[in-house]
Amino acid sequence: MSAERRLIFALGARLGISAAAVERLSAREVAGWVEFFNAHEQASANDGAVDLSRLSREERRAMFHHGRR
């Protein structure tokens, strides 16, 4: 699948509309939504939360262990 097709389906999923509805949006609307979601992701990436995908299995397990076995 091309990058353009992936963008259409991803944007439709985020907006809760079909890919056909996304295709009916103007170029300005699509660019605005892409910019909005990119800014939102960048802001949430800097929220100080732990990225679980970067933790080892033992580190993730220790987060929920709380001293009990």
PDB file of N, CA and C in Angstrom:
ATOM      1  N   MET A   1       0.853  -1.167   0.000  1.00  0.00           N
ATOM      2  CA  MET A   1       0.000   0.000   0.000  1.00  0.00           C
ATOM      3  C   MET A   1       0.903   1.236   0.000  1.00  0.00           C
ATOM      4  N   SER A   2       0.546   2.200  -0.784  1.00  0.00           N
ATOM      5  CA  SER A   2       1.349   3.421  -0.892  1.00  0.00           C
ATOM      6  C   SER A   2       1.223   4.268   0.373  1.00  0.00           C
ATOM      7  N   ALA A   3       2.151   5.177   0.532  1.00  0.00           N
ATOM      8  CA  ALA A   3       2.137   6.075   1.696  1.00  0.00           C
ATOM      9  C   ALA A   3       0.879   6.943   1.692  1.00  0.00           C
ATOM     10  N   GLU A   4       0.433   7.363   0.510  1.00  0.00           N
ATOM     11  CA  GLU A   4      -0.766   8.185   0.416  1.00  0.00           C
ATOM     12  C   GLU A   4      -2.000   7.421   0.889  1.00  0.00           C
ATOM     13  N   ARG A   5      -2.101   6.149   0.498  1.00  0.00           N
ATOM     14  CA  ARG A   5      -3.235   5.317   0.910  1.00  0.00           C
ATOM     15  C   ARG A   5      -3.212   5.096   2.419  1.00  0.00           C
ATOM     16  N   ARG A   6      -2.020   4.835   2.967  1.00  0.00           N
ATOM     17  CA  ARG A   6      -1.911   4.644   4.416  1.00  0.00           C
ATOM     18  C   ARG A   6      -2.337   5.903   5.155  1.00  0.00           C
ATOM     19  N   LEU A   7      -1.952   7.066   4.628  1.00  0.00           N
ATOM     20  CA  LEU A   7      -2.338   8.336   5.240  1.00  0.00           C
ATOM     21  C   LEU A   7      -3.850   8.505   5.230  1.00  0.00           C
ATOM     22  N   ILE A   8      -4.488   8.181   4.129  1.00  0.00           N
ATOM     23  CA  ILE A   8      -5.946   8.318   4.011  1.00  0.00           C
ATOM     24  C   ILE A   8      -6.643   7.426   5.030  1.00  0.00           C
ATOM     25  N   PHE A   9      -6.227   6.177   5.134  1.00  0.00           N
ATOM     26  CA  PHE A   9      -6.862   5.262   6.079  1.00  0.00           C
ATOM     27  C   PHE A   9      -6.553   5.641   7.521  1.00  0.00           C
ATOM     28  N   ALA A  10      -5.332   6.068   7.796  1.00  0.00           N
ATOM     29  CA  ALA A  10      -4.972   6.473   9.162  1.00  0.00           C
ATOM     30  C   ALA A  10      -5.754   7.713   9.581  1.00  0.00           C
ATOM     31  N   LEU A  11      -5.864   8.674   8.686  1.00  0.00           N
ATOM     32  CA  LEU A  11      -6.615   9.885   8.994  1.00  0.00           C
ATOM     33  C   LEU A  11      -8.096   9.566   9.192  1.00  0.00           C
ATOM     34  N   GLY A  12      -8.634   8.702   8.358  1.00  0.00           N
ATOM     35  CA  GLY A  12     -10.027   8.290   8.517  1.00  0.00           C
ATOM     36  C   GLY A  12     -10.264   7.611   9.853  1.00  0.00           C
ATOM     37  N   ALA A  13      -9.331   6.767  10.280  1.00  0.00           N
ATOM     38  CA  ALA A  13      -9.470   6.082  11.565  1.00  0.00           C
ATOM     39  C   ALA A  13      -9.426   7.085  12.715  1.00  0.00           C
ATOM     40  N   ARG A  14      -8.539   8.062  12.617  1.00  0.00           N
ATOM     41  CA  ARG A  14      -8.441   9.070  13.683  1.00  0.00           C
ATOM     42  C   ARG A  14      -9.679   9.945  13.761  1.00  0.00           C
ATOM     43  N   LEU A  15     -10.242  10.258  12.612  1.00  0.00           N
ATOM     44  CA  LEU A  15     -11.412  11.134  12.579  1.00  0.00           C
ATOM     45  C   LEU A  15     -12.724  10.365  12.715  1.00  0.00           C
ATOM     46  N   GLY A  16     -12.660   9.038  12.606  1.00  0.00           N
ATOM     47  CA  GLY A  16     -13.861   8.228  12.708  1.00  0.00           C
ATOM     48  C   GLY A  16     -14.735   8.316  11.478  1.00  0.00           C
ATOM     49  N   ILE A  17     -14.105   8.504  10.316  1.00  0.00           N
ATOM     50  CA  ILE A  17     -14.849   8.571   9.058  1.00  0.00           C
ATOM     51  C   ILE A  17     -14.226   7.590   8.074  1.00  0.00           C
ATOM     52  N   SER A  18     -14.916   7.318   7.004  1.00  0.00           N
ATOM     53  CA  SER A  18     -14.416   6.366   6.015  1.00  0.00           C
ATOM     54  C   SER A  18     -13.308   6.997   5.167  1.00  0.00           C
ATOM     55  N   ALA A  19     -12.560   6.132   4.495  1.00  0.00           N
ATOM     56  CA  ALA A  19     -11.515   6.607   3.586  1.00  0.00           C
ATOM     57  C   ALA A  19     -12.135   7.426   2.452  1.00  0.00           C
ATOM     58  N   ALA A  20     -13.326   7.030   2.020  1.00  0.00           N
ATOM     59  CA  ALA A  20     -14.011   7.778   0.967  1.00  0.00           C
ATOM     60  C   ALA A  20     -14.334   9.194   1.437  1.00  0.00           C
ATOM     61  N   ALA A  21     -14.736   9.332   2.692  1.00  0.00           N
ATOM     62  CA  ALA A  21     -15.037  10.660   3.237  1.00  0.00           C
ATOM     63  C   ALA A  21     -13.768  11.494   3.336  1.00  0.00           C
ATOM     64  N   VAL A  22     -12.654  10.856   3.687  1.00  0.00           N
ATOM     65  CA  VAL A  22     -11.380  11.582   3.747  1.00  0.00           C
ATOM     66  C   VAL A  22     -11.003  12.077   2.363  1.00  0.00           C
ATOM     67  N   GLU A  23     -11.223  11.252   1.345  1.00  0.00           N
ATOM     68  CA  GLU A  23     -10.900  11.658  -0.027  1.00  0.00           C
ATOM     69  C   GLU A  23     -11.739  12.840  -0.487  1.00  0.00           C
ATOM     70  N   ARG A  24     -12.907  13.029   0.097  1.00  0.00           N
ATOM     71  CA  ARG A  24     -13.758  14.156  -0.274  1.00  0.00           C
ATOM     72  C   ARG A  24     -13.342  15.457   0.418  1.00  0.00           C
ATOM     73  N   LEU A  25     -12.472  15.360   1.434  1.00  0.00           N
ATOM     74  CA  LEU A  25     -11.992  16.573   2.103  1.00  0.00           C
ATOM     75  C   LEU A  25     -11.095  17.359   1.151  1.00  0.00           C
ATOM     76  N   SER A  26     -11.032  18.655   1.356  1.00  0.00           N
ATOM     77  CA  SER A  26     -10.147  19.474   0.539  1.00  0.00           C
ATOM     78  C   SER A  26      -8.705  19.256   0.977  1.00  0.00           C
ATOM     79  N   ALA A  27      -7.776  19.632   0.130  1.00  0.00           N
ATOM     80  CA  ALA A  27      -6.351  19.509   0.461  1.00  0.00           C
ATOM     81  C   ALA A  27      -6.023  20.327   1.700  1.00  0.00           C
ATOM     82  N   ARG A  28      -6.664  21.465   1.853  1.00  0.00           N
ATOM     83  CA  ARG A  28      -6.442  22.320   3.023  1.00  0.00           C
ATOM     84  C   ARG A  28      -6.910  21.627   4.303  1.00  0.00           C
ATOM     85  N   GLU A  29      -8.078  20.966   4.233  1.00  0.00           N
ATOM     86  CA  GLU A  29      -8.590  20.246   5.403  1.00  0.00           C
ATOM     87  C   GLU A  29      -7.683  19.085   5.795  1.00  0.00           C
ATOM     88  N   VAL A  30      -7.253  18.317   4.810  1.00  0.00           N
ATOM     89  CA  VAL A  30      -6.362  17.186   5.078  1.00  0.00           C
ATOM     90  C   VAL A  30      -5.059  17.686   5.685  1.00  0.00           C
ATOM     91  N   ALA A  31      -4.468  18.714   5.099  1.00  0.00           N
ATOM     92  CA  ALA A  31      -3.216  19.266   5.630  1.00  0.00           C
ATOM     93  C   ALA A  31      -3.404  19.774   7.055  1.00  0.00           C
ATOM     94  N   GLY A  32      -4.533  20.389   7.325  1.00  0.00           N
ATOM     95  CA  GLY A  32      -4.811  20.890   8.668  1.00  0.00           C
ATOM     96  C   GLY A  32      -4.920  19.767   9.685  1.00  0.00           C
ATOM     97  N   TRP A  33      -5.617  18.687   9.324  1.00  0.00           N
ATOM     98  CA  TRP A  33      -5.746  17.559  10.244  1.00  0.00           C
ATOM     99  C   TRP A  33      -4.406  16.870  10.463  1.00  0.00           C
ATOM    100  N   VAL A  34      -3.630  16.694   9.400  1.00  0.00           N
ATOM    101  CA  VAL A  34      -2.308  16.071   9.541  1.00  0.00           C
ATOM    102  C   VAL A  34      -1.431  16.919  10.452  1.00  0.00           C
ATOM    103  N   GLU A  35      -1.453  18.219  10.253  1.00  0.00           N
ATOM    104  CA  GLU A  35      -0.667  19.123  11.101  1.00  0.00           C
ATOM    105  C   GLU A  35      -1.148  19.057  12.551  1.00  0.00           C
ATOM    106  N   PHE A  36      -2.448  19.018  12.760  1.00  0.00           N
ATOM    107  CA  PHE A  36      -3.005  18.935  14.105  1.00  0.00           C
ATOM    108  C   PHE A  36      -2.535  17.670  14.812  1.00  0.00           C
ATOM    109  N   PHE A  37      -2.652  16.517  14.162  1.00  0.00           N
ATOM    110  CA  PHE A  37      -2.269  15.262  14.790  1.00  0.00           C
ATOM    111  C   PHE A  37      -0.758  15.172  15.000  1.00  0.00           C
ATOM    112  N   ASN A  38       0.028  15.710  14.073  1.00  0.00           N
ATOM    113  CA  ASN A  38       1.484  15.718  14.259  1.00  0.00           C
ATOM    114  C   ASN A  38       1.866  16.566  15.464  1.00  0.00           C
ATOM    115  N   ALA A  39       1.255  17.723  15.617  1.00  0.00           N
ATOM    116  CA  ALA A  39       1.545  18.591  16.765  1.00  0.00           C
ATOM    117  C   ALA A  39       1.122  17.923  18.060  1.00  0.00           C
ATOM    118  N   HIS A  40      -0.030  17.240  18.032  1.00  0.00           N
ATOM    119  CA  HIS A  40      -0.522  16.547  19.225  1.00  0.00           C
ATOM    120  C   HIS A  40       0.423  15.417  19.627  1.00  0.00           C
ATOM    121  N   GLU A  41       0.925  14.660  18.660  1.00  0.00           N
ATOM    122  CA  GLU A  41       1.853  13.562  18.957  1.00  0.00           C
ATOM    123  C   GLU A  41       3.165  14.086  19.502  1.00  0.00           C
ATOM    124  N   GLN A  42       3.644  15.194  18.969  1.00  0.00           N
ATOM    125  CA  GLN A  42       4.895  15.764  19.462  1.00  0.00           C
ATOM    126  C   GLN A  42       4.719  16.262  20.888  1.00  0.00           C
ATOM    127  N   ALA A  43       3.573  16.865  21.187  1.00  0.00           N
ATOM    128  CA  ALA A  43       3.315  17.352  22.539  1.00  0.00           C
ATOM    129  C   ALA A  43       3.190  16.191  23.520  1.00  0.00           C
ATOM    130  N   SER A  44       2.513  15.135  23.108  1.00  0.00           N
ATOM    131  CA  SER A  44       2.348  13.994  24.012  1.00  0.00           C
ATOM    132  C   SER A  44       3.643  13.203  24.148  1.00  0.00           C
ATOM    133  N   ALA A  45       4.525  13.285  23.160  1.00  0.00           N
ATOM    134  CA  ALA A  45       5.806  12.593  23.259  1.00  0.00           C
ATOM    135  C   ALA A  45       6.688  13.226  24.323  1.00  0.00           C
ATOM    136  N   ASN A  46       6.438  14.479  24.649  1.00  0.00           N
ATOM    137  CA  ASN A  46       7.243  15.199  25.635  1.00  0.00           C
ATOM    138  C   ASN A  46       6.533  15.318  26.978  1.00  0.00           C
ATOM    139  N   ASP A  47       5.591  14.422  27.271  1.00  0.00           N
ATOM    140  CA  ASP A  47       4.814  14.544  28.508  1.00  0.00           C
ATOM    141  C   ASP A  47       5.489  13.909  29.718  1.00  0.00           C
ATOM    142  N   GLY A  48       6.653  13.311  29.526  1.00  0.00           N
ATOM    143  CA  GLY A  48       7.385  12.720  30.636  1.00  0.00           C
ATOM    144  C   GLY A  48       6.949  11.305  30.982  1.00  0.00           C
ATOM    145  N   ALA A  49       6.006  10.756  30.255  1.00  0.00           N
ATOM    146  CA  ALA A  49       5.554   9.395  30.517  1.00  0.00           C
ATOM    147  C   ALA A  49       6.616   8.392  30.073  1.00  0.00           C
ATOM    148  N   VAL A  50       6.630   7.259  30.734  1.00  0.00           N
ATOM    149  CA  VAL A  50       7.579   6.195  30.407  1.00  0.00           C
ATOM    150  C   VAL A  50       7.135   5.503  29.132  1.00  0.00           C
ATOM    151  N   ASP A  51       8.068   5.330  28.199  1.00  0.00           N
ATOM    152  CA  ASP A  51       7.781   4.608  26.966  1.00  0.00           C
ATOM    153  C   ASP A  51       7.967   3.123  27.252  1.00  0.00           C
ATOM    154  N   LEU A  52       6.863   2.397  27.381  1.00  0.00           N
ATOM    155  CA  LEU A  52       6.923   0.992  27.757  1.00  0.00           C
ATOM    156  C   LEU A  52       7.639   0.133  26.724  1.00  0.00           C
ATOM    157  N   SER A  53       7.642   0.546  25.477  1.00  0.00           N
ATOM    158  CA  SER A  53       8.303  -0.254  24.454  1.00  0.00           C
ATOM    159  C   SER A  53       9.823  -0.257  24.620  1.00  0.00           C
ATOM    160  N   ARG A  54      10.352   0.680  25.387  1.00  0.00           N
ATOM    161  CA  ARG A  54      11.796   0.745  25.597  1.00  0.00           C
ATOM    162  C   ARG A  54      12.251   0.021  26.864  1.00  0.00           C
ATOM    163  N   LEU A  55      11.298  -0.482  27.656  1.00  0.00           N
ATOM    164  CA  LEU A  55      11.641  -1.176  28.884  1.00  0.00           C
ATOM    165  C   LEU A  55      11.817  -2.665  28.634  1.00  0.00           C
ATOM    166  N   SER A  56      12.684  -3.277  29.425  1.00  0.00           N
ATOM    167  CA  SER A  56      12.856  -4.728  29.331  1.00  0.00           C
ATOM    168  C   SER A  56      11.675  -5.422  29.999  1.00  0.00           C
ATOM    169  N   ARG A  57      11.588  -6.708  29.786  1.00  0.00           N
ATOM    170  CA  ARG A  57      10.509  -7.481  30.387  1.00  0.00           C
ATOM    171  C   ARG A  57      10.582  -7.399  31.913  1.00  0.00           C
ATOM    172  N   GLU A  58      11.785  -7.464  32.465  1.00  0.00           N
ATOM    173  CA  GLU A  58      11.964  -7.397  33.909  1.00  0.00           C
ATOM    174  C   GLU A  58      11.554  -6.033  34.452  1.00  0.00           C
ATOM    175  N   GLU A  59      11.876  -4.960  33.732  1.00  0.00           N
ATOM    176  CA  GLU A  59      11.487  -3.616  34.167  1.00  0.00           C
ATOM    177  C   GLU A  59       9.972  -3.448  34.159  1.00  0.00           C
ATOM    178  N   ARG A  60       9.324  -3.969  33.133  1.00  0.00           N
ATOM    179  CA  ARG A  60       7.858  -3.885  33.075  1.00  0.00           C
ATOM    180  C   ARG A  60       7.232  -4.705  34.193  1.00  0.00           C
ATOM    181  N   ARG A  61       7.775  -5.867  34.449  1.00  0.00           N
ATOM    182  CA  ARG A  61       7.261  -6.718  35.507  1.00  0.00           C
ATOM    183  C   ARG A  61       7.423  -6.033  36.866  1.00  0.00           C
ATOM    184  N   ALA A  62       8.563  -5.370  37.072  1.00  0.00           N
ATOM    185  CA  ALA A  62       8.827  -4.697  38.342  1.00  0.00           C
ATOM    186  C   ALA A  62       7.868  -3.533  38.581  1.00  0.00           C
ATOM    187  N   MET A  63       7.341  -2.937  37.526  1.00  0.00           N
ATOM    188  CA  MET A  63       6.406  -1.829  37.679  1.00  0.00           C
ATOM    189  C   MET A  63       5.127  -2.275  38.379  1.00  0.00           C
ATOM    190  N   PHE A  64       4.767  -3.549  38.246  1.00  0.00           N
ATOM    191  CA  PHE A  64       3.515  -4.049  38.792  1.00  0.00           C
ATOM    192  C   PHE A  64       3.712  -5.036  39.930  1.00  0.00           C
ATOM    193  N   HIS A  65       4.942  -5.280  40.331  1.00  0.00           N
ATOM    194  CA  HIS A  65       5.236  -6.295  41.335  1.00  0.00           C
ATOM    195  C   HIS A  65       4.844  -5.828  42.736  1.00  0.00           C
ATOM    196  N   HIS A  66       5.216  -4.674  43.157  1.00  0.00           N
ATOM    197  CA  HIS A  66       4.878  -4.069  44.435  1.00  0.00           C
ATOM    198  C   HIS A  66       5.300  -4.921  45.640  1.00  0.00           C
ATOM    199  N   GLY A  67       6.376  -5.699  45.495  1.00  0.00           N
ATOM    200  CA  GLY A  67       6.931  -6.435  46.612  1.00  0.00           C
ATOM    201  C   GLY A  67       6.248  -7.749  46.934  1.00  0.00           C
ATOM    202  N   ARG A  68       5.212  -8.129  46.223  1.00  0.00           N
ATOM    203  CA  ARG A  68       4.530  -9.414  46.479  1.00  0.00           C
ATOM    204  C   ARG A  68       5.015 -10.465  45.505  1.00  0.00           C
ATOM    205  N   ARG A  69       4.979 -11.691  45.947  1.00  0.00           N
ATOM    206  CA  ARG A  69       5.342 -12.817  45.052  1.00  0.00           C
ATOM    207  C   ARG A  69       4.253 -13.834  45.029  1.00  0.00           C
TER     208      ARG A  69
END
